[in-house]
Amino acid sequence: MIVLAAQLAAAVALLLWSTRLIRTGVERAFMPELKSGLKRLSGNAVSAATGGSFAAMVMQSATAVALISAGFAVSGMLAPHTALALVLGAELGSALMTRVLILPVDAALPFVLLIGVITFFKAQSRKTKQVGRIIIGLALVFISLGMIHEATAPIGDNPIIQSIAAYFRDDLVSAYALGAVLTWAMHSSFWGFSCLLLKSFGLCLSQFGLNSEFGGD
């Protein structure tokens, strides 16, 4: 049990660190372009929501997009309702990323990681170096999710775990609350690792996972 807990904790730590790698890479290389792009897309609510969704998926953080939107609103660059559309779009992008993270891409991960490392070390410019950082972070996200799946697979058939899974699957209000608690604990609505964790327990992602993700948002 101690070994299992250590493996799971290490996998979650790697996931948090890899998402930070992606976010810092985007912030260092593309933050001015990202801010100007969000400002251009803020002409109406639909385009603002689309821009917020894309930004959250790229930055791996709806919270970061919300902070940018708040800064725009406070400075008077955006109307409050447009900033709100950006935030809602960011939450949608965060939720969509949980679907992307369960795609079967294991065979491509070694190549992606290798490309990222080569790009990082051989880069001639700061921006290219950050692109390598982003690619490395993305590969490590999928690797950490695989580690979580492997660590939790042995306990997936546990009767206690199955009963807990059944409870949350049937009680979507509690699933929503769980998503909110996990978001508060991680300081981020990006908790795709939980989706893989829930999948390893045999939960219904279409009901429980979606509702708990909305709770995180």
N, C-alpha and C. Protein backbone atom coordinates (compact mmCIF):
# COMPACT_ATOMS: atom_id res chain seq x y z
N MET A 1 0.82 -1.20 0.00
CA MET A 1 0.00 0.00 0.00
C MET A 1 0.86 1.26 0.00
N ILE A 2 1.97 1.24 0.78
CA ILE A 2 2.85 2.40 0.82
C ILE A 2 3.50 2.64 -0.54
N VAL A 3 3.92 1.54 -1.18
CA VAL A 3 4.54 1.65 -2.50
C VAL A 3 3.53 2.21 -3.50
N LEU A 4 2.29 1.71 -3.42
CA LEU A 4 1.24 2.19 -4.33
C LEU A 4 0.98 3.68 -4.13
N ALA A 5 0.90 4.10 -2.88
CA ALA A 5 0.66 5.51 -2.58
C ALA A 5 1.82 6.37 -3.10
N ALA A 6 3.05 5.86 -2.93
CA ALA A 6 4.22 6.61 -3.41
C ALA A 6 4.22 6.72 -4.93
N GLN A 7 3.86 5.62 -5.61
CA GLN A 7 3.79 5.65 -7.07
C GLN A 7 2.74 6.65 -7.56
N LEU A 8 1.59 6.63 -6.92
CA LEU A 8 0.52 7.54 -7.31
C LEU A 8 0.90 9.00 -7.04
N ALA A 9 1.51 9.24 -5.88
CA ALA A 9 1.92 10.60 -5.54
C ALA A 9 2.98 11.11 -6.51
N ALA A 10 3.92 10.23 -6.88
CA ALA A 10 4.96 10.63 -7.83
C ALA A 10 4.37 10.94 -9.20
N ALA A 11 3.39 10.15 -9.62
CA ALA A 11 2.75 10.37 -10.92
C ALA A 11 2.00 11.69 -10.94
N VAL A 12 1.28 11.98 -9.86
CA VAL A 12 0.55 13.25 -9.77
C VAL A 12 1.52 14.42 -9.74
N ALA A 13 2.64 14.25 -9.00
CA ALA A 13 3.65 15.31 -8.95
C ALA A 13 4.22 15.58 -10.34
N LEU A 14 4.48 14.51 -11.10
CA LEU A 14 4.99 14.67 -12.47
C LEU A 14 3.97 15.37 -13.35
N LEU A 15 2.69 15.05 -13.16
CA LEU A 15 1.64 15.69 -13.94
C LEU A 15 1.59 17.19 -13.66
N LEU A 16 1.63 17.55 -12.39
CA LEU A 16 1.59 18.98 -12.03
C LEU A 16 2.80 19.72 -12.57
N TRP A 17 3.97 19.07 -12.50
CA TRP A 17 5.19 19.71 -12.98
C TRP A 17 5.17 19.85 -14.50
N SER A 18 4.66 18.83 -15.20
CA SER A 18 4.63 18.88 -16.66
C SER A 18 3.64 19.94 -17.16
N THR A 19 2.50 20.08 -16.49
CA THR A 19 1.57 21.14 -16.89
C THR A 19 2.18 22.52 -16.63
N ARG A 20 2.98 22.62 -15.59
CA ARG A 20 3.68 23.88 -15.32
C ARG A 20 4.71 24.17 -16.41
N LEU A 21 5.38 23.12 -16.88
CA LEU A 21 6.32 23.29 -17.98
C LEU A 21 5.64 23.89 -19.20
N ILE A 22 4.48 23.34 -19.54
CA ILE A 22 3.74 23.84 -20.70
C ILE A 22 3.33 25.29 -20.49
N ARG A 23 2.78 25.58 -19.33
CA ARG A 23 2.28 26.92 -19.06
C ARG A 23 3.41 27.95 -19.08
N THR A 24 4.54 27.63 -18.44
CA THR A 24 5.65 28.59 -18.43
C THR A 24 6.25 28.75 -19.82
N GLY A 25 6.28 27.67 -20.60
CA GLY A 25 6.77 27.77 -21.96
C GLY A 25 5.92 28.70 -22.80
N VAL A 26 4.61 28.55 -22.68
CA VAL A 26 3.70 29.42 -23.43
C VAL A 26 3.83 30.86 -22.96
N GLU A 27 3.91 31.05 -21.65
CA GLU A 27 4.00 32.42 -21.12
C GLU A 27 5.28 33.11 -21.56
N ARG A 28 6.39 32.39 -21.58
CA ARG A 28 7.67 33.00 -21.93
C ARG A 28 7.81 33.25 -23.43
N ALA A 29 7.19 32.40 -24.24
CA ALA A 29 7.39 32.50 -25.69
C ALA A 29 6.26 33.23 -26.40
N PHE A 30 5.03 33.07 -25.90
CA PHE A 30 3.90 33.56 -26.69
C PHE A 30 2.93 34.45 -25.91
N MET A 31 3.28 34.89 -24.71
CA MET A 31 2.34 35.67 -23.93
C MET A 31 1.91 36.96 -24.62
N PRO A 32 2.83 37.75 -25.20
CA PRO A 32 2.38 38.98 -25.89
C PRO A 32 1.42 38.67 -27.04
N GLU A 33 1.76 37.63 -27.84
CA GLU A 33 0.88 37.25 -28.95
C GLU A 33 -0.46 36.73 -28.44
N LEU A 34 -0.40 35.98 -27.32
CA LEU A 34 -1.63 35.43 -26.76
C LEU A 34 -2.55 36.54 -26.27
N LYS A 35 -1.98 37.53 -25.59
CA LYS A 35 -2.78 38.64 -25.09
C LYS A 35 -3.38 39.46 -26.24
N SER A 36 -2.56 39.72 -27.25
CA SER A 36 -3.08 40.50 -28.39
C SER A 36 -4.14 39.71 -29.15
N GLY A 37 -3.95 38.39 -29.26
CA GLY A 37 -4.93 37.56 -29.93
C GLY A 37 -6.26 37.52 -29.19
N LEU A 38 -6.18 37.41 -27.87
CA LEU A 38 -7.40 37.43 -27.06
C LEU A 38 -8.11 38.78 -27.19
N LYS A 39 -7.33 39.84 -27.25
CA LYS A 39 -7.94 41.17 -27.39
C LYS A 39 -8.65 41.30 -28.74
N ARG A 40 -8.01 40.75 -29.81
CA ARG A 40 -8.62 40.85 -31.14
C ARG A 40 -9.90 40.03 -31.23
N LEU A 41 -9.91 38.88 -30.52
CA LEU A 41 -11.07 38.00 -30.58
C LEU A 41 -12.20 38.45 -29.66
N SER A 42 -11.99 39.53 -28.95
CA SER A 42 -12.97 39.97 -27.95
C SER A 42 -14.01 40.92 -28.54
N GLY A 43 -14.16 40.92 -29.85
CA GLY A 43 -15.14 41.80 -30.47
C GLY A 43 -16.57 41.44 -30.14
N ASN A 44 -16.84 40.14 -29.98
CA ASN A 44 -18.17 39.68 -29.57
C ASN A 44 -18.03 38.50 -28.65
N ALA A 45 -19.12 38.11 -28.04
CA ALA A 45 -19.09 37.06 -27.01
C ALA A 45 -18.66 35.72 -27.58
N VAL A 46 -19.11 35.38 -28.79
CA VAL A 46 -18.79 34.07 -29.37
C VAL A 46 -17.30 33.94 -29.66
N SER A 47 -16.73 34.95 -30.33
CA SER A 47 -15.31 34.90 -30.64
C SER A 47 -14.47 34.98 -29.37
N ALA A 48 -14.94 35.73 -28.36
CA ALA A 48 -14.22 35.81 -27.09
C ALA A 48 -14.20 34.45 -26.39
N ALA A 49 -15.34 33.76 -26.40
CA ALA A 49 -15.39 32.43 -25.79
C ALA A 49 -14.50 31.45 -26.53
N THR A 50 -14.48 31.54 -27.86
CA THR A 50 -13.62 30.66 -28.67
C THR A 50 -12.15 30.92 -28.35
N GLY A 51 -11.78 32.20 -28.28
CA GLY A 51 -10.41 32.53 -27.95
C GLY A 51 -10.01 32.08 -26.56
N GLY A 52 -10.92 32.24 -25.60
CA GLY A 52 -10.63 31.78 -24.25
C GLY A 52 -10.47 30.28 -24.17
N SER A 53 -11.29 29.55 -24.93
CA SER A 53 -11.19 28.10 -24.96
C SER A 53 -9.85 27.65 -25.52
N PHE A 54 -9.44 28.25 -26.64
CA PHE A 54 -8.16 27.89 -27.25
C PHE A 54 -7.00 28.24 -26.33
N ALA A 55 -7.05 29.40 -25.70
CA ALA A 55 -5.97 29.82 -24.82
C ALA A 55 -5.82 28.88 -23.63
N ALA A 56 -6.95 28.45 -23.07
CA ALA A 56 -6.89 27.53 -21.93
C ALA A 56 -6.31 26.18 -22.33
N MET A 57 -6.63 25.70 -23.53
CA MET A 57 -6.09 24.44 -23.99
C MET A 57 -4.59 24.55 -24.24
N VAL A 58 -4.13 25.69 -24.75
CA VAL A 58 -2.71 25.89 -25.02
C VAL A 58 -1.93 26.06 -23.73
N MET A 59 -2.47 26.85 -22.79
CA MET A 59 -1.76 27.15 -21.56
C MET A 59 -1.96 26.09 -20.48
N GLN A 60 -2.87 25.14 -20.72
CA GLN A 60 -3.17 24.11 -19.73
C GLN A 60 -3.67 24.72 -18.44
N SER A 61 -4.34 25.85 -18.53
CA SER A 61 -4.82 26.50 -17.31
C SER A 61 -5.92 27.50 -17.64
N ALA A 62 -7.13 27.20 -17.19
CA ALA A 62 -8.21 28.18 -17.32
C ALA A 62 -8.03 29.32 -16.33
N THR A 63 -7.36 29.04 -15.23
CA THR A 63 -7.12 30.08 -14.22
C THR A 63 -6.26 31.21 -14.79
N ALA A 64 -5.23 30.84 -15.57
CA ALA A 64 -4.36 31.86 -16.16
C ALA A 64 -5.15 32.75 -17.12
N VAL A 65 -6.03 32.14 -17.91
CA VAL A 65 -6.86 32.92 -18.84
C VAL A 65 -7.80 33.84 -18.06
N ALA A 66 -8.34 33.33 -16.96
CA ALA A 66 -9.23 34.15 -16.13
C ALA A 66 -8.49 35.36 -15.57
N LEU A 67 -7.24 35.18 -15.16
CA LEU A 67 -6.46 36.30 -14.64
C LEU A 67 -6.17 37.34 -15.72
N ILE A 68 -5.86 36.85 -16.94
CA ILE A 68 -5.63 37.78 -18.05
C ILE A 68 -6.90 38.56 -18.35
N SER A 69 -8.03 37.85 -18.38
CA SER A 69 -9.31 38.51 -18.66
C SER A 69 -9.64 39.55 -17.59
N ALA A 70 -9.37 39.20 -16.33
CA ALA A 70 -9.63 40.16 -15.25
C ALA A 70 -8.77 41.40 -15.40
N GLY A 71 -7.50 41.19 -15.79
CA GLY A 71 -6.62 42.33 -16.01
C GLY A 71 -7.12 43.23 -17.12
N PHE A 72 -7.62 42.62 -18.21
CA PHE A 72 -8.18 43.42 -19.30
C PHE A 72 -9.39 44.21 -18.83
N ALA A 73 -10.24 43.56 -18.05
CA ALA A 73 -11.47 44.22 -17.59
C ALA A 73 -11.15 45.36 -16.64
N VAL A 74 -10.21 45.15 -15.72
CA VAL A 74 -9.86 46.20 -14.76
C VAL A 74 -9.24 47.41 -15.46
N SER A 75 -8.43 47.15 -16.48
CA SER A 75 -7.77 48.25 -17.19
C SER A 75 -8.70 48.96 -18.16
N GLY A 76 -9.89 48.42 -18.34
CA GLY A 76 -10.84 49.04 -19.25
C GLY A 76 -10.69 48.62 -20.69
N MET A 77 -9.77 47.67 -20.98
CA MET A 77 -9.55 47.21 -22.35
C MET A 77 -10.70 46.34 -22.84
N LEU A 78 -11.40 45.68 -21.91
CA LEU A 78 -12.52 44.82 -22.25
C LEU A 78 -13.72 45.17 -21.38
N ALA A 79 -14.90 45.04 -21.96
CA ALA A 79 -16.12 45.18 -21.18
C ALA A 79 -16.27 43.98 -20.26
N PRO A 80 -16.89 44.14 -19.12
CA PRO A 80 -17.03 43.01 -18.18
C PRO A 80 -17.70 41.78 -18.80
N HIS A 81 -18.73 41.99 -19.64
CA HIS A 81 -19.41 40.83 -20.21
C HIS A 81 -18.52 40.11 -21.22
N THR A 82 -17.63 40.82 -21.89
CA THR A 82 -16.70 40.18 -22.82
C THR A 82 -15.64 39.39 -22.05
N ALA A 83 -15.15 39.96 -20.96
CA ALA A 83 -14.19 39.24 -20.12
C ALA A 83 -14.81 37.96 -19.55
N LEU A 84 -16.09 38.05 -19.19
CA LEU A 84 -16.79 36.87 -18.69
C LEU A 84 -16.89 35.80 -19.77
N ALA A 85 -17.13 36.20 -21.02
CA ALA A 85 -17.18 35.24 -22.12
C ALA A 85 -15.83 34.56 -22.31
N LEU A 86 -14.74 35.32 -22.14
CA LEU A 86 -13.41 34.73 -22.22
C LEU A 86 -13.22 33.66 -21.15
N VAL A 87 -13.66 33.97 -19.93
CA VAL A 87 -13.50 33.02 -18.82
C VAL A 87 -14.33 31.76 -19.06
N LEU A 88 -15.58 31.92 -19.51
CA LEU A 88 -16.43 30.76 -19.77
C LEU A 88 -15.86 29.91 -20.90
N GLY A 89 -15.31 30.57 -21.91
CA GLY A 89 -14.66 29.82 -22.98
C GLY A 89 -13.45 29.05 -22.48
N ALA A 90 -12.70 29.67 -21.57
CA ALA A 90 -11.54 29.00 -20.99
C ALA A 90 -11.94 27.75 -20.22
N GLU A 91 -13.04 27.84 -19.50
CA GLU A 91 -13.51 26.67 -18.76
C GLU A 91 -13.92 25.54 -19.71
N LEU A 92 -14.54 25.90 -20.83
CA LEU A 92 -14.89 24.89 -21.83
C LEU A 92 -13.65 24.24 -22.41
N GLY A 93 -12.63 25.06 -22.70
CA GLY A 93 -11.39 24.51 -23.22
C GLY A 93 -10.72 23.57 -22.24
N SER A 94 -10.77 23.93 -20.96
CA SER A 94 -10.21 23.06 -19.92
C SER A 94 -10.94 21.72 -19.87
N ALA A 95 -12.27 21.77 -20.01
CA ALA A 95 -13.05 20.54 -20.00
C ALA A 95 -12.76 19.68 -21.23
N LEU A 96 -12.60 20.32 -22.39
CA LEU A 96 -12.31 19.57 -23.61
C LEU A 96 -10.96 18.87 -23.55
N MET A 97 -10.00 19.47 -22.83
CA MET A 97 -8.68 18.87 -22.74
C MET A 97 -8.70 17.53 -22.05
N THR A 98 -9.68 17.31 -21.16
CA THR A 98 -9.76 16.00 -20.50
C THR A 98 -10.07 14.90 -21.51
N ARG A 99 -10.76 15.23 -22.60
CA ARG A 99 -11.02 14.25 -23.65
C ARG A 99 -9.77 14.00 -24.47
N VAL A 100 -9.01 15.05 -24.71
CA VAL A 100 -7.79 14.90 -25.50
C VAL A 100 -6.79 14.01 -24.77
N LEU A 101 -6.75 14.13 -23.44
CA LEU A 101 -5.75 13.44 -22.66
C LEU A 101 -5.98 11.93 -22.53
N ILE A 102 -7.13 11.43 -22.97
CA ILE A 102 -7.35 9.98 -22.91
C ILE A 102 -7.22 9.35 -24.29
N LEU A 103 -6.67 10.10 -25.26
CA LEU A 103 -6.44 9.54 -26.58
C LEU A 103 -5.29 8.54 -26.52
N PRO A 104 -5.34 7.47 -27.33
CA PRO A 104 -4.27 6.45 -27.33
C PRO A 104 -3.07 6.93 -28.13
N VAL A 105 -2.14 7.59 -27.47
CA VAL A 105 -0.97 8.14 -28.17
C VAL A 105 0.34 7.56 -27.62
N ASP A 106 0.27 6.43 -26.95
CA ASP A 106 1.45 5.88 -26.30
C ASP A 106 2.59 5.62 -27.28
N ALA A 107 2.27 5.14 -28.48
CA ALA A 107 3.32 4.80 -29.44
C ALA A 107 4.10 6.03 -29.90
N ALA A 108 3.46 7.17 -29.89
CA ALA A 108 4.11 8.39 -30.38
C ALA A 108 4.89 9.13 -29.30
N LEU A 109 4.68 8.79 -28.02
CA LEU A 109 5.30 9.55 -26.93
C LEU A 109 6.82 9.57 -26.97
N PRO A 110 7.52 8.45 -27.24
CA PRO A 110 8.98 8.52 -27.30
C PRO A 110 9.48 9.51 -28.35
N PHE A 111 8.82 9.54 -29.50
CA PHE A 111 9.23 10.45 -30.56
C PHE A 111 8.95 11.91 -30.18
N VAL A 112 7.79 12.14 -29.56
CA VAL A 112 7.44 13.49 -29.14
C VAL A 112 8.44 14.00 -28.10
N LEU A 113 8.76 13.15 -27.12
CA LEU A 113 9.70 13.54 -26.08
C LEU A 113 11.08 13.80 -26.67
N LEU A 114 11.50 12.95 -27.62
CA LEU A 114 12.81 13.13 -28.26
C LEU A 114 12.85 14.44 -29.04
N ILE A 115 11.79 14.73 -29.78
CA ILE A 115 11.72 15.99 -30.54
C ILE A 115 11.79 17.18 -29.60
N GLY A 116 11.09 17.10 -28.49
CA GLY A 116 11.10 18.20 -27.53
C GLY A 116 12.48 18.43 -26.95
N VAL A 117 13.17 17.37 -26.56
CA VAL A 117 14.50 17.50 -25.97
C VAL A 117 15.49 18.07 -26.98
N ILE A 118 15.46 17.55 -28.22
CA ILE A 118 16.37 18.05 -29.26
C ILE A 118 16.10 19.53 -29.55
N THR A 119 14.81 19.88 -29.64
CA THR A 119 14.46 21.28 -29.89
C THR A 119 14.95 22.17 -28.77
N PHE A 120 14.81 21.71 -27.53
CA PHE A 120 15.21 22.52 -26.37
C PHE A 120 16.71 22.76 -26.36
N PHE A 121 17.50 21.72 -26.60
CA PHE A 121 18.95 21.85 -26.50
C PHE A 121 19.60 22.47 -27.74
N LYS A 122 18.98 22.30 -28.90
CA LYS A 122 19.56 22.81 -30.13
C LYS A 122 19.00 24.16 -30.55
N ALA A 123 18.08 24.70 -29.77
CA ALA A 123 17.42 25.95 -30.16
C ALA A 123 18.42 27.10 -30.22
N GLN A 124 18.27 27.93 -31.24
CA GLN A 124 19.12 29.11 -31.41
C GLN A 124 18.46 30.37 -30.87
N SER A 125 17.18 30.30 -30.60
CA SER A 125 16.47 31.46 -30.09
C SER A 125 15.70 31.07 -28.82
N ARG A 126 15.36 32.07 -28.04
CA ARG A 126 14.64 31.84 -26.79
C ARG A 126 13.26 31.27 -27.06
N LYS A 127 12.59 31.75 -28.10
CA LYS A 127 11.25 31.27 -28.39
C LYS A 127 11.26 29.81 -28.80
N THR A 128 12.22 29.42 -29.65
CA THR A 128 12.32 28.02 -30.06
C THR A 128 12.61 27.12 -28.87
N LYS A 129 13.44 27.60 -27.97
CA LYS A 129 13.75 26.84 -26.76
C LYS A 129 12.49 26.59 -25.94
N GLN A 130 11.62 27.59 -25.86
CA GLN A 130 10.38 27.43 -25.11
C GLN A 130 9.41 26.48 -25.83
N VAL A 131 9.47 26.45 -27.15
CA VAL A 131 8.66 25.48 -27.90
C VAL A 131 9.08 24.07 -27.51
N GLY A 132 10.40 23.85 -27.41
CA GLY A 132 10.89 22.55 -26.95
C GLY A 132 10.39 22.23 -25.55
N ARG A 133 10.38 23.22 -24.68
CA ARG A 133 9.86 23.03 -23.32
C ARG A 133 8.40 22.61 -23.35
N ILE A 134 7.62 23.25 -24.20
CA ILE A 134 6.19 22.92 -24.31
C ILE A 134 6.00 21.49 -24.78
N ILE A 135 6.78 21.07 -25.79
CA ILE A 135 6.65 19.71 -26.32
C ILE A 135 7.04 18.69 -25.25
N ILE A 136 8.11 18.97 -24.51
CA ILE A 136 8.52 18.07 -23.43
C ILE A 136 7.41 17.96 -22.38
N GLY A 137 6.85 19.11 -22.01
CA GLY A 137 5.78 19.11 -21.02
C GLY A 137 4.58 18.31 -21.48
N LEU A 138 4.22 18.44 -22.76
CA LEU A 138 3.07 17.70 -23.28
C LEU A 138 3.32 16.20 -23.23
N ALA A 139 4.52 15.78 -23.61
CA ALA A 139 4.84 14.35 -23.55
C ALA A 139 4.81 13.84 -22.12
N LEU A 140 5.32 14.64 -21.19
CA LEU A 140 5.34 14.22 -19.79
C LEU A 140 3.93 14.16 -19.19
N VAL A 141 3.01 14.99 -19.69
CA VAL A 141 1.62 14.91 -19.24
C VAL A 141 1.06 13.52 -19.54
N PHE A 142 1.24 13.06 -20.77
CA PHE A 142 0.71 11.75 -21.14
C PHE A 142 1.44 10.63 -20.40
N ILE A 143 2.75 10.78 -20.20
CA ILE A 143 3.50 9.77 -19.45
C ILE A 143 3.00 9.68 -18.02
N SER A 144 2.78 10.83 -17.39
CA SER A 144 2.30 10.83 -16.00
C SER A 144 0.90 10.23 -15.90
N LEU A 145 0.05 10.47 -16.90
CA LEU A 145 -1.28 9.87 -16.88
C LEU A 145 -1.19 8.35 -17.00
N GLY A 146 -0.25 7.87 -17.82
CA GLY A 146 -0.03 6.43 -17.91
C GLY A 146 0.44 5.85 -16.59
N MET A 147 1.31 6.59 -15.89
CA MET A 147 1.78 6.15 -14.58
C MET A 147 0.63 6.07 -13.59
N ILE A 148 -0.27 7.04 -13.63
CA ILE A 148 -1.42 7.03 -12.74
C ILE A 148 -2.30 5.83 -13.03
N HIS A 149 -2.52 5.57 -14.32
CA HIS A 149 -3.35 4.42 -14.70
C HIS A 149 -2.74 3.12 -14.20
N GLU A 150 -1.42 2.97 -14.35
CA GLU A 150 -0.75 1.75 -13.89
C GLU A 150 -0.79 1.62 -12.38
N ALA A 151 -0.66 2.75 -11.68
CA ALA A 151 -0.64 2.72 -10.21
C ALA A 151 -2.01 2.38 -9.64
N THR A 152 -3.07 2.81 -10.31
CA THR A 152 -4.42 2.60 -9.78
C THR A 152 -5.09 1.34 -10.31
N ALA A 153 -4.52 0.74 -11.37
CA ALA A 153 -5.15 -0.45 -11.95
C ALA A 153 -5.34 -1.59 -10.96
N PRO A 154 -4.37 -1.88 -10.07
CA PRO A 154 -4.56 -3.01 -9.13
C PRO A 154 -5.72 -2.84 -8.17
N ILE A 155 -6.13 -1.59 -7.89
CA ILE A 155 -7.21 -1.38 -6.92
C ILE A 155 -8.55 -1.12 -7.61
N GLY A 156 -8.56 -1.23 -8.95
CA GLY A 156 -9.79 -0.95 -9.68
C GLY A 156 -10.91 -1.92 -9.38
N ASP A 157 -10.56 -3.16 -9.03
CA ASP A 157 -11.57 -4.18 -8.75
C ASP A 157 -11.92 -4.28 -7.27
N ASN A 158 -11.35 -3.42 -6.47
CA ASN A 158 -11.64 -3.44 -5.04
C ASN A 158 -13.12 -3.11 -4.80
N PRO A 159 -13.83 -3.94 -4.01
CA PRO A 159 -15.27 -3.70 -3.77
C PRO A 159 -15.56 -2.33 -3.18
N ILE A 160 -14.69 -1.86 -2.30
CA ILE A 160 -14.91 -0.55 -1.69
C ILE A 160 -14.81 0.55 -2.75
N ILE A 161 -13.78 0.44 -3.58
CA ILE A 161 -13.60 1.43 -4.64
C ILE A 161 -14.79 1.40 -5.60
N GLN A 162 -15.24 0.20 -5.94
CA GLN A 162 -16.37 0.07 -6.86
C GLN A 162 -17.64 0.67 -6.26
N SER A 163 -17.84 0.49 -4.97
CA SER A 163 -19.03 1.07 -4.34
C SER A 163 -18.96 2.59 -4.31
N ILE A 164 -17.75 3.13 -4.07
CA ILE A 164 -17.58 4.58 -4.12
C ILE A 164 -17.84 5.09 -5.53
N ALA A 165 -17.33 4.35 -6.51
CA ALA A 165 -17.53 4.74 -7.91
C ALA A 165 -19.01 4.75 -8.26
N ALA A 166 -19.72 3.72 -7.83
CA ALA A 166 -21.14 3.65 -8.13
C ALA A 166 -21.90 4.79 -7.47
N TYR A 167 -21.48 5.16 -6.27
CA TYR A 167 -22.15 6.26 -5.57
C TYR A 167 -22.00 7.57 -6.33
N PHE A 168 -20.77 7.88 -6.72
CA PHE A 168 -20.55 9.14 -7.43
C PHE A 168 -21.16 9.13 -8.83
N ARG A 169 -21.24 7.94 -9.44
CA ARG A 169 -21.86 7.86 -10.76
C ARG A 169 -23.35 8.17 -10.69
N ASP A 170 -23.98 7.76 -9.59
CA ASP A 170 -25.42 7.97 -9.44
C ASP A 170 -25.75 9.32 -8.80
N ASP A 171 -24.82 9.89 -8.07
CA ASP A 171 -25.05 11.18 -7.40
C ASP A 171 -24.18 12.24 -8.07
N LEU A 172 -24.73 12.88 -9.10
CA LEU A 172 -23.95 13.84 -9.87
C LEU A 172 -23.68 15.14 -9.11
N VAL A 173 -24.52 15.43 -8.11
CA VAL A 173 -24.26 16.61 -7.29
C VAL A 173 -22.97 16.42 -6.50
N SER A 174 -22.80 15.23 -5.95
CA SER A 174 -21.57 14.94 -5.22
C SER A 174 -20.36 14.93 -6.16
N ALA A 175 -20.57 14.44 -7.38
CA ALA A 175 -19.50 14.45 -8.37
C ALA A 175 -19.09 15.88 -8.69
N TYR A 176 -20.08 16.75 -8.79
CA TYR A 176 -19.81 18.17 -9.05
C TYR A 176 -18.99 18.76 -7.89
N ALA A 177 -19.40 18.44 -6.66
CA ALA A 177 -18.69 18.95 -5.48
C ALA A 177 -17.27 18.41 -5.43
N LEU A 178 -17.08 17.14 -5.81
CA LEU A 178 -15.74 16.55 -5.81
C LEU A 178 -14.84 17.28 -6.80
N GLY A 179 -15.39 17.60 -7.97
CA GLY A 179 -14.61 18.35 -8.95
C GLY A 179 -14.18 19.70 -8.41
N ALA A 180 -15.07 20.37 -7.68
CA ALA A 180 -14.73 21.67 -7.09
C ALA A 180 -13.63 21.53 -6.05
N VAL A 181 -13.71 20.48 -5.23
CA VAL A 181 -12.69 20.26 -4.19
C VAL A 181 -11.33 19.98 -4.81
N LEU A 182 -11.31 19.12 -5.85
CA LEU A 182 -10.05 18.81 -6.52
C LEU A 182 -9.45 20.04 -7.16
N THR A 183 -10.30 20.88 -7.73
CA THR A 183 -9.82 22.12 -8.34
C THR A 183 -9.19 23.03 -7.29
N TRP A 184 -9.85 23.15 -6.14
CA TRP A 184 -9.31 23.98 -5.07
C TRP A 184 -7.98 23.42 -4.58
N ALA A 185 -7.88 22.10 -4.46
CA ALA A 185 -6.66 21.48 -3.96
C ALA A 185 -5.50 21.66 -4.91
N MET A 186 -5.79 21.63 -6.24
CA MET A 186 -4.73 21.74 -7.24
C MET A 186 -4.53 23.18 -7.72
N HIS A 187 -5.40 24.09 -7.30
CA HIS A 187 -5.35 25.48 -7.76
C HIS A 187 -5.44 25.56 -9.27
N SER A 188 -6.18 24.63 -9.86
CA SER A 188 -6.33 24.61 -11.32
C SER A 188 -7.53 23.77 -11.68
N SER A 189 -8.27 24.21 -12.71
CA SER A 189 -9.39 23.40 -13.19
C SER A 189 -8.93 22.33 -14.14
N PHE A 190 -7.62 22.28 -14.41
CA PHE A 190 -7.07 21.27 -15.29
C PHE A 190 -6.70 20.06 -14.45
N TRP A 191 -7.59 19.08 -14.41
CA TRP A 191 -7.31 17.88 -13.60
C TRP A 191 -7.61 16.64 -14.43
N GLY A 192 -7.01 16.60 -15.64
CA GLY A 192 -7.23 15.45 -16.52
C GLY A 192 -6.75 14.14 -15.90
N PHE A 193 -5.77 14.21 -14.98
CA PHE A 193 -5.31 12.98 -14.35
C PHE A 193 -6.45 12.27 -13.64
N SER A 194 -7.41 13.01 -13.14
CA SER A 194 -8.53 12.41 -12.43
C SER A 194 -9.41 11.60 -13.37
N CYS A 195 -9.52 12.06 -14.61
CA CYS A 195 -10.34 11.32 -15.57
C CYS A 195 -9.75 9.94 -15.81
N LEU A 196 -8.41 9.88 -15.95
CA LEU A 196 -7.79 8.58 -16.14
C LEU A 196 -7.90 7.75 -14.88
N LEU A 197 -7.79 8.39 -13.74
CA LEU A 197 -7.95 7.70 -12.46
C LEU A 197 -9.35 7.11 -12.36
N LEU A 198 -10.37 7.88 -12.70
CA LEU A 198 -11.74 7.42 -12.65
C LEU A 198 -11.97 6.31 -13.67
N LYS A 199 -11.35 6.43 -14.82
CA LYS A 199 -11.49 5.39 -15.84
C LYS A 199 -10.91 4.07 -15.34
N SER A 200 -9.80 4.14 -14.63
CA SER A 200 -9.19 2.92 -14.11
C SER A 200 -10.08 2.27 -13.06
N PHE A 201 -10.94 3.05 -12.41
CA PHE A 201 -11.88 2.51 -11.44
C PHE A 201 -13.15 2.01 -12.11
N GLY A 202 -13.29 2.21 -13.40
CA GLY A 202 -14.46 1.72 -14.11
C GLY A 202 -15.63 2.67 -14.05
N LEU A 203 -15.39 3.97 -13.82
CA LEU A 203 -16.47 4.93 -13.73
C LEU A 203 -16.95 5.32 -15.12
N CYS A 204 -18.17 5.82 -15.17
CA CYS A 204 -18.75 6.27 -16.43
C CYS A 204 -18.33 7.71 -16.69
N LEU A 205 -17.38 7.90 -17.59
CA LEU A 205 -16.86 9.24 -17.85
C LEU A 205 -17.92 10.14 -18.45
N SER A 206 -18.84 9.59 -19.20
CA SER A 206 -19.83 10.44 -19.85
C SER A 206 -20.76 11.10 -18.85
N GLN A 207 -20.93 10.53 -17.67
CA GLN A 207 -21.80 11.12 -16.66
C GLN A 207 -20.97 11.69 -15.52
N PHE A 208 -20.28 10.83 -14.82
CA PHE A 208 -19.54 11.29 -13.65
C PHE A 208 -18.40 12.22 -14.03
N GLY A 209 -17.57 11.79 -14.98
CA GLY A 209 -16.41 12.58 -15.35
C GLY A 209 -16.79 13.95 -15.87
N LEU A 210 -17.81 14.02 -16.70
CA LEU A 210 -18.22 15.30 -17.25
C LEU A 210 -18.76 16.22 -16.17
N ASN A 211 -19.59 15.67 -15.29
CA ASN A 211 -20.17 16.52 -14.25
C ASN A 211 -19.12 16.99 -13.25
N SER A 212 -18.18 16.11 -12.89
CA SER A 212 -17.15 16.51 -11.96
C SER A 212 -16.19 17.52 -12.60
N GLU A 213 -16.00 17.42 -13.93
CA GLU A 213 -15.20 18.41 -14.61
C GLU A 213 -15.89 19.78 -14.58
N PHE A 214 -17.20 19.78 -14.75
CA PHE A 214 -17.94 21.04 -14.63
C PHE A 214 -17.82 21.59 -13.21
N GLY A 215 -17.79 20.69 -12.23
CA GLY A 215 -17.59 21.15 -10.87
C GLY A 215 -16.22 21.79 -10.71
N GLY A 216 -15.21 21.20 -11.36
CA GLY A 216 -13.88 21.81 -11.34
C GLY A 216 -13.88 23.17 -11.98
N ASP A 217 -14.64 23.32 -13.06
CA ASP A 217 -14.71 24.62 -13.72
C ASP A 217 -15.48 25.61 -12.87
